[in-house]
Amino acid sequence: MITTFASMKGGTGKTTITGLLANYVSKVLNKRVIIIDIDPQGGCTTLFLGSEAREIIDGKSTPTIFNVLETVRDNQNARSIVQKALVKSPYNENVFILPADYRVTSLMSMGETPELLKYGLNDAGFAPDLLVMIDSGTSPFLVNMSIAAVTNQVFVPLMLSVQNRKPTADTIQLILRQRKQLGGLIPVGIGSAKWEENSMESWKERLKSTPLLANSPVLKGLPYSKTLIHSEWVNQPFPERFLPIFENIARHVLSENSQEKNVEDTTSDEKTQ
């Protein structure tokens, strides 16, 4: 299963959600996770590989996502290079990173297709029980690349600011254009203000009023937390306060019959709120 948390706006929590879900699925559900980092800034690579990350992102160490995409571009099978590029996190033995590389930006200027990653992951032939997540960055090319590679659902982090409305709507349009399903919106950095509650209700109504999005829920939100900002959770037991939130997110992400599951879980969530 391949999914992504995509947004064309920076600072919305894509890397944080990806990292926390990786730890939840690996530590709480005891499943293996692979993170594909195509963000040139290497957020997940830095998060899970620590001091090793900088040299890898600079293309001076092990093979990276750039080498995988380069192999696909040259019409070669990428399976062996993917296997060589995967690095086990020193903080979590069930999390493997396919590291970022700053050179991935050169593919945009060369007119390459965003389908490159999809073809590379098809070559890799990951087991269906693995959770594979893509950390995409914010450029339209890389967001398109991550959406094209998912098997079904794309999730969109949602900052409840006015400035975030258009990038969120534009990201949803990309998902629909690529004939993927919006798995849900995930509010990030929320508090208890009335305007935040009204904003989430507004998004729920927008989704319900659009036929192709009518079954896409607004999931449980991540509260504002300094722990999240400073990534203090990465090498520690999963934060207990986030367990209900990521149990909910994981249920949607790992759902096999997502359309029916979304309806069931949205009803269940409304009853518990």
Protein backbone atom coordinates (compact mmCIF):
# COMPACT_ATOMS: atom_id res chain seq x y z
CA MET A 1 0.00 0.00 0.00
CA ILE A 2 1.41 3.36 -1.06
CA THR A 3 0.04 6.68 0.16
CA THR A 4 1.11 10.29 0.66
CA PHE A 5 0.24 13.36 2.70
CA ALA A 6 0.34 16.05 0.03
CA SER A 7 0.04 19.82 0.00
CA MET A 8 1.45 22.55 -2.19
CA LYS A 9 1.98 24.76 0.85
CA GLY A 10 4.94 24.43 3.17
CA GLY A 11 4.63 24.17 6.92
CA THR A 12 1.38 22.20 6.89
CA GLY A 13 2.75 19.18 8.75
CA LYS A 14 3.33 16.68 5.92
CA THR A 15 6.64 15.44 7.31
CA THR A 16 5.36 15.44 10.90
CA ILE A 17 2.28 13.37 10.01
CA THR A 18 4.36 11.00 7.89
CA GLY A 19 6.90 10.49 10.66
CA LEU A 20 4.36 10.07 13.46
CA LEU A 21 2.27 7.64 11.43
CA ALA A 22 5.42 5.67 10.58
CA ASN A 23 6.18 5.37 14.29
CA TYR A 24 2.58 4.52 15.18
CA VAL A 25 2.28 1.79 12.56
CA SER A 26 5.72 0.34 13.34
CA LYS A 27 5.73 0.63 17.15
CA VAL A 28 2.05 0.21 18.02
CA LEU A 29 0.83 -2.02 15.15
CA ASN A 30 4.23 -3.73 14.69
CA LYS A 31 4.26 -3.34 10.89
CA ARG A 32 7.18 -2.42 8.66
CA VAL A 33 7.13 1.01 7.04
CA ILE A 34 9.03 2.49 4.11
CA ILE A 35 9.26 6.26 3.63
CA ILE A 36 10.11 7.55 0.15
CA ASP A 37 11.55 11.05 0.57
CA ILE A 38 11.37 13.06 -2.66
CA ASP A 39 11.49 16.44 -0.89
CA PRO A 40 14.82 18.12 -1.82
CA GLN A 41 15.01 19.47 1.76
CA GLY A 42 14.94 15.90 3.07
CA GLY A 43 12.64 16.36 6.06
CA CYS A 44 11.97 12.65 6.71
CA THR A 45 15.54 11.70 5.82
CA THR A 46 16.86 14.10 8.45
CA LEU A 47 14.18 13.08 10.95
CA PHE A 48 14.88 9.34 10.80
CA LEU A 49 18.57 9.18 9.86
CA GLY A 50 19.94 11.96 12.07
CA SER A 51 23.60 12.86 11.55
CA GLU A 52 23.90 10.61 8.48
CA ALA A 53 21.30 12.60 6.56
CA ARG A 54 23.24 15.64 5.32
CA GLU A 55 25.88 13.69 3.42
CA ILE A 56 23.21 11.45 1.87
CA ILE A 57 20.99 14.37 0.75
CA ASP A 58 24.07 16.01 -0.80
CA GLY A 59 24.57 12.91 -2.98
CA LYS A 60 27.91 12.00 -1.32
CA SER A 61 26.99 8.73 0.36
CA THR A 62 24.53 5.89 -0.34
CA PRO A 63 22.18 5.75 -3.37
CA THR A 64 19.16 8.03 -3.08
CA ILE A 65 15.78 8.69 -4.63
CA PHE A 66 17.56 10.62 -7.39
CA ASN A 67 19.50 7.50 -8.41
CA VAL A 68 16.24 5.52 -8.49
CA LEU A 69 14.49 8.09 -10.69
CA GLU A 70 17.59 8.37 -12.90
CA THR A 71 17.54 4.61 -13.42
CA VAL A 72 13.86 4.71 -14.45
CA ARG A 73 14.52 7.65 -16.76
CA ASP A 74 17.19 5.55 -18.51
CA ASN A 75 14.60 2.77 -19.08
CA GLN A 76 16.26 0.36 -16.66
CA ASN A 77 14.61 -1.72 -13.96
CA ALA A 78 14.96 0.08 -10.63
CA ARG A 79 14.46 -2.90 -8.29
CA SER A 80 18.13 -3.41 -7.36
CA ILE A 81 18.88 0.29 -6.87
CA VAL A 82 15.81 0.65 -4.62
CA GLN A 83 17.07 -2.23 -2.46
CA LYS A 84 20.53 -0.63 -2.20
CA ALA A 85 19.10 2.80 -1.41
CA LEU A 86 16.85 1.78 1.50
CA VAL A 87 18.37 2.71 4.87
CA LYS A 88 17.12 1.40 8.23
CA SER A 89 16.47 4.17 10.77
CA PRO A 90 18.81 3.98 13.78
CA TYR A 91 15.83 5.07 15.90
CA ASN A 92 13.32 2.49 14.70
CA GLU A 93 14.22 -0.92 13.28
CA ASN A 94 10.87 -1.21 11.46
CA VAL A 95 11.24 2.06 9.53
CA PHE A 96 13.27 2.22 6.31
CA ILE A 97 14.03 5.43 4.39
CA LEU A 98 14.62 5.82 0.68
CA PRO A 99 16.61 9.03 1.17
CA ALA A 100 16.07 12.46 -0.36
CA ASP A 101 18.55 14.12 -2.72
CA TYR A 102 18.78 17.81 -3.63
CA ARG A 103 19.41 16.81 -7.29
CA VAL A 104 15.81 15.65 -7.72
CA THR A 105 14.94 19.27 -8.60
CA SER A 106 16.94 18.90 -11.83
CA LEU A 107 14.34 16.44 -13.13
CA MET A 108 11.78 19.25 -13.21
CA SER A 109 13.89 21.42 -15.52
CA MET A 110 14.62 18.43 -17.79
CA GLY A 111 10.93 17.98 -18.62
CA GLU A 112 10.69 14.51 -17.09
CA THR A 113 7.30 12.93 -16.44
CA PRO A 114 6.00 12.86 -12.85
CA GLU A 115 5.22 9.18 -13.50
CA LEU A 116 8.89 8.31 -12.90
CA LEU A 117 8.34 7.50 -9.24
CA LYS A 118 5.30 5.36 -10.01
CA TYR A 119 7.34 3.29 -12.46
CA GLY A 120 10.21 2.98 -9.97
CA LEU A 121 7.94 1.75 -7.17
CA ASN A 122 6.29 -0.69 -9.56
CA ASP A 123 9.76 -2.08 -10.30
CA ALA A 124 10.51 -2.32 -6.58
CA GLY A 125 7.60 -4.72 -6.06
CA PHE A 126 7.08 -3.99 -2.37
CA ALA A 127 5.02 -6.55 -0.45
CA PRO A 128 1.35 -5.49 -0.21
CA ASP A 129 1.39 -5.63 3.60
CA LEU A 130 4.07 -2.90 3.77
CA LEU A 131 2.97 0.67 4.36
CA VAL A 132 4.86 2.88 1.91
CA MET A 133 4.55 6.65 2.42
CA ILE A 134 5.87 9.42 0.18
CA ASP A 135 7.13 12.75 1.56
CA SER A 136 6.77 15.04 -1.42
CA GLY A 137 7.83 18.60 -0.74
CA THR A 138 5.66 21.43 -2.06
CA SER A 139 6.51 22.02 -5.72
CA PRO A 140 3.65 21.08 -8.11
CA PHE A 141 5.96 18.68 -9.98
CA LEU A 142 6.90 16.72 -6.85
CA VAL A 143 3.36 16.78 -5.44
CA ASN A 144 2.16 15.45 -8.81
CA MET A 145 4.86 12.79 -8.68
CA SER A 146 3.80 11.61 -5.23
CA ILE A 147 0.09 11.54 -6.14
CA ALA A 148 0.76 9.59 -9.35
CA ALA A 149 2.61 6.90 -7.36
CA VAL A 150 -0.03 6.15 -4.69
CA THR A 151 -2.16 3.03 -5.00
CA ASN A 152 -5.43 4.74 -4.11
CA GLN A 153 -5.76 7.34 -1.36
CA VAL A 154 -4.08 10.71 -0.85
CA PHE A 155 -4.42 12.62 2.42
CA VAL A 156 -4.10 16.40 2.72
CA PRO A 157 -2.85 18.17 5.88
CA LEU A 158 -5.04 21.18 6.63
CA MET A 159 -3.86 24.37 8.28
CA LEU A 160 -6.95 26.38 9.16
CA SER A 161 -5.61 29.75 7.97
CA VAL A 162 -7.07 31.82 5.15
CA GLN A 163 -3.72 31.62 3.32
CA ASN A 164 -3.99 27.84 3.20
CA ARG A 165 -7.40 27.60 1.50
CA LYS A 166 -6.21 27.98 -2.09
CA PRO A 167 -3.17 25.63 -1.83
CA THR A 168 -5.43 23.02 -0.21
CA ALA A 169 -8.08 23.39 -2.92
CA ASP A 170 -5.38 23.25 -5.63
CA THR A 171 -3.93 20.06 -4.11
CA ILE A 172 -7.38 18.44 -4.05
CA GLN A 173 -7.82 19.35 -7.73
CA LEU A 174 -4.51 17.60 -8.53
CA ILE A 175 -5.76 14.49 -6.73
CA LEU A 176 -8.99 14.44 -8.73
CA ARG A 177 -7.18 15.08 -12.03
CA GLN A 178 -4.99 12.04 -11.39
CA ARG A 179 -8.11 9.97 -10.64
CA LYS A 180 -7.05 9.24 -7.08
CA GLN A 181 -9.25 9.36 -3.99
CA LEU A 182 -9.01 12.03 -1.32
CA GLY A 183 -8.71 9.87 1.79
CA GLY A 184 -9.39 12.85 4.04
CA LEU A 185 -8.24 16.21 5.35
CA ILE A 186 -6.14 16.22 8.54
CA PRO A 187 -6.27 19.50 10.54
CA VAL A 188 -2.84 20.39 11.97
CA GLY A 189 -1.84 22.68 14.83
CA ILE A 190 -5.38 23.24 16.03
CA GLY A 191 -6.61 24.61 19.33
CA SER A 192 -10.07 25.10 20.79
CA ALA A 193 -10.98 28.46 19.21
CA LYS A 194 -14.47 28.86 17.80
CA TRP A 195 -13.16 30.07 14.44
CA GLU A 196 -11.20 26.81 14.06
CA GLU A 197 -14.34 24.79 14.71
CA ASN A 198 -16.24 26.90 12.17
CA SER A 199 -13.44 26.48 9.62
CA MET A 200 -13.50 22.67 9.96
CA GLU A 201 -17.29 22.66 9.58
CA SER A 202 -16.92 24.78 6.45
CA TRP A 203 -14.48 22.26 4.94
CA LYS A 204 -16.82 19.38 5.83
CA GLU A 205 -19.65 21.11 3.98
CA ARG A 206 -17.45 21.80 0.95
CA LEU A 207 -16.50 18.14 0.72
CA LYS A 208 -20.09 16.91 1.13
CA SER A 209 -21.32 19.27 -1.58
CA THR A 210 -18.84 17.90 -4.15
CA PRO A 211 -19.95 14.50 -5.52
CA LEU A 212 -16.40 13.13 -6.00
CA LEU A 213 -15.45 14.18 -2.45
CA ALA A 214 -18.68 13.43 -0.59
CA ASN A 215 -17.20 10.40 1.23
CA SER A 216 -13.92 12.12 2.11
CA PRO A 217 -13.90 13.02 5.82
CA VAL A 218 -12.17 15.63 7.92
CA LEU A 219 -10.21 13.40 10.32
CA LYS A 220 -9.23 13.99 13.93
CA GLY A 221 -6.87 16.95 14.09
CA LEU A 222 -3.38 17.30 15.58
CA PRO A 223 -3.33 19.87 18.40
CA TYR A 224 -0.62 22.51 18.55
CA SER A 225 2.35 21.12 20.47
CA LYS A 226 6.00 22.09 20.98
CA THR A 227 6.75 18.37 21.02
CA LEU A 228 5.61 18.19 17.39
CA ILE A 229 7.55 21.27 16.33
CA HIS A 230 10.85 20.06 17.79
CA SER A 231 10.39 16.41 16.73
CA GLU A 232 11.25 15.20 20.21
CA TRP A 233 9.13 12.09 19.67
CA VAL A 234 11.18 10.48 16.91
CA ASN A 235 13.42 8.27 19.10
CA GLN A 236 11.00 7.84 22.01
CA PRO A 237 7.94 5.67 22.71
CA PHE A 238 4.92 6.84 20.74
CA PRO A 239 3.36 9.88 22.52
CA GLU A 240 0.34 8.66 24.46
CA ARG A 241 -1.65 11.85 23.87
CA PHE A 242 -1.50 11.26 20.10
CA LEU A 243 -2.64 7.63 20.23
CA PRO A 244 -6.38 8.28 19.52
CA ILE A 245 -5.50 10.65 16.67
CA PHE A 246 -3.17 8.24 14.90
CA GLU A 247 -5.37 5.25 15.58
CA ASN A 248 -7.99 7.16 13.57
CA ILE A 249 -5.57 8.19 10.81
CA ALA A 250 -4.11 4.68 10.54
CA ARG A 251 -7.59 3.17 10.28
CA HIS A 252 -8.32 5.33 7.24
CA VAL A 253 -4.89 4.91 5.64
CA LEU A 254 -4.82 1.13 6.05
CA SER A 255 -8.46 0.62 5.09
CA GLU A 256 -8.85 -1.79 2.16
CA ASN A 257 -12.36 -0.65 1.22
CA SER A 258 -11.79 3.04 1.83
CA GLN A 259 -15.06 4.47 0.47
CA GLU A 260 -17.25 2.37 2.79
CA LYS A 261 -14.81 2.69 5.68
CA ASN A 262 -14.79 6.48 5.44
CA VAL A 263 -18.57 6.58 5.79
CA GLU A 264 -18.48 4.23 8.80
CA ASP A 265 -15.64 6.03 10.56
CA THR A 266 -17.03 9.50 9.94
CA THR A 267 -20.29 8.42 11.59
CA SER A 268 -18.38 6.87 14.46
CA ASP A 269 -16.21 9.96 14.93
CA GLU A 270 -19.25 12.26 15.00
CA LYS A 271 -20.79 10.14 17.75
CA THR A 272 -17.68 10.36 19.91
CA GLN A 273 -17.13 14.11 19.53
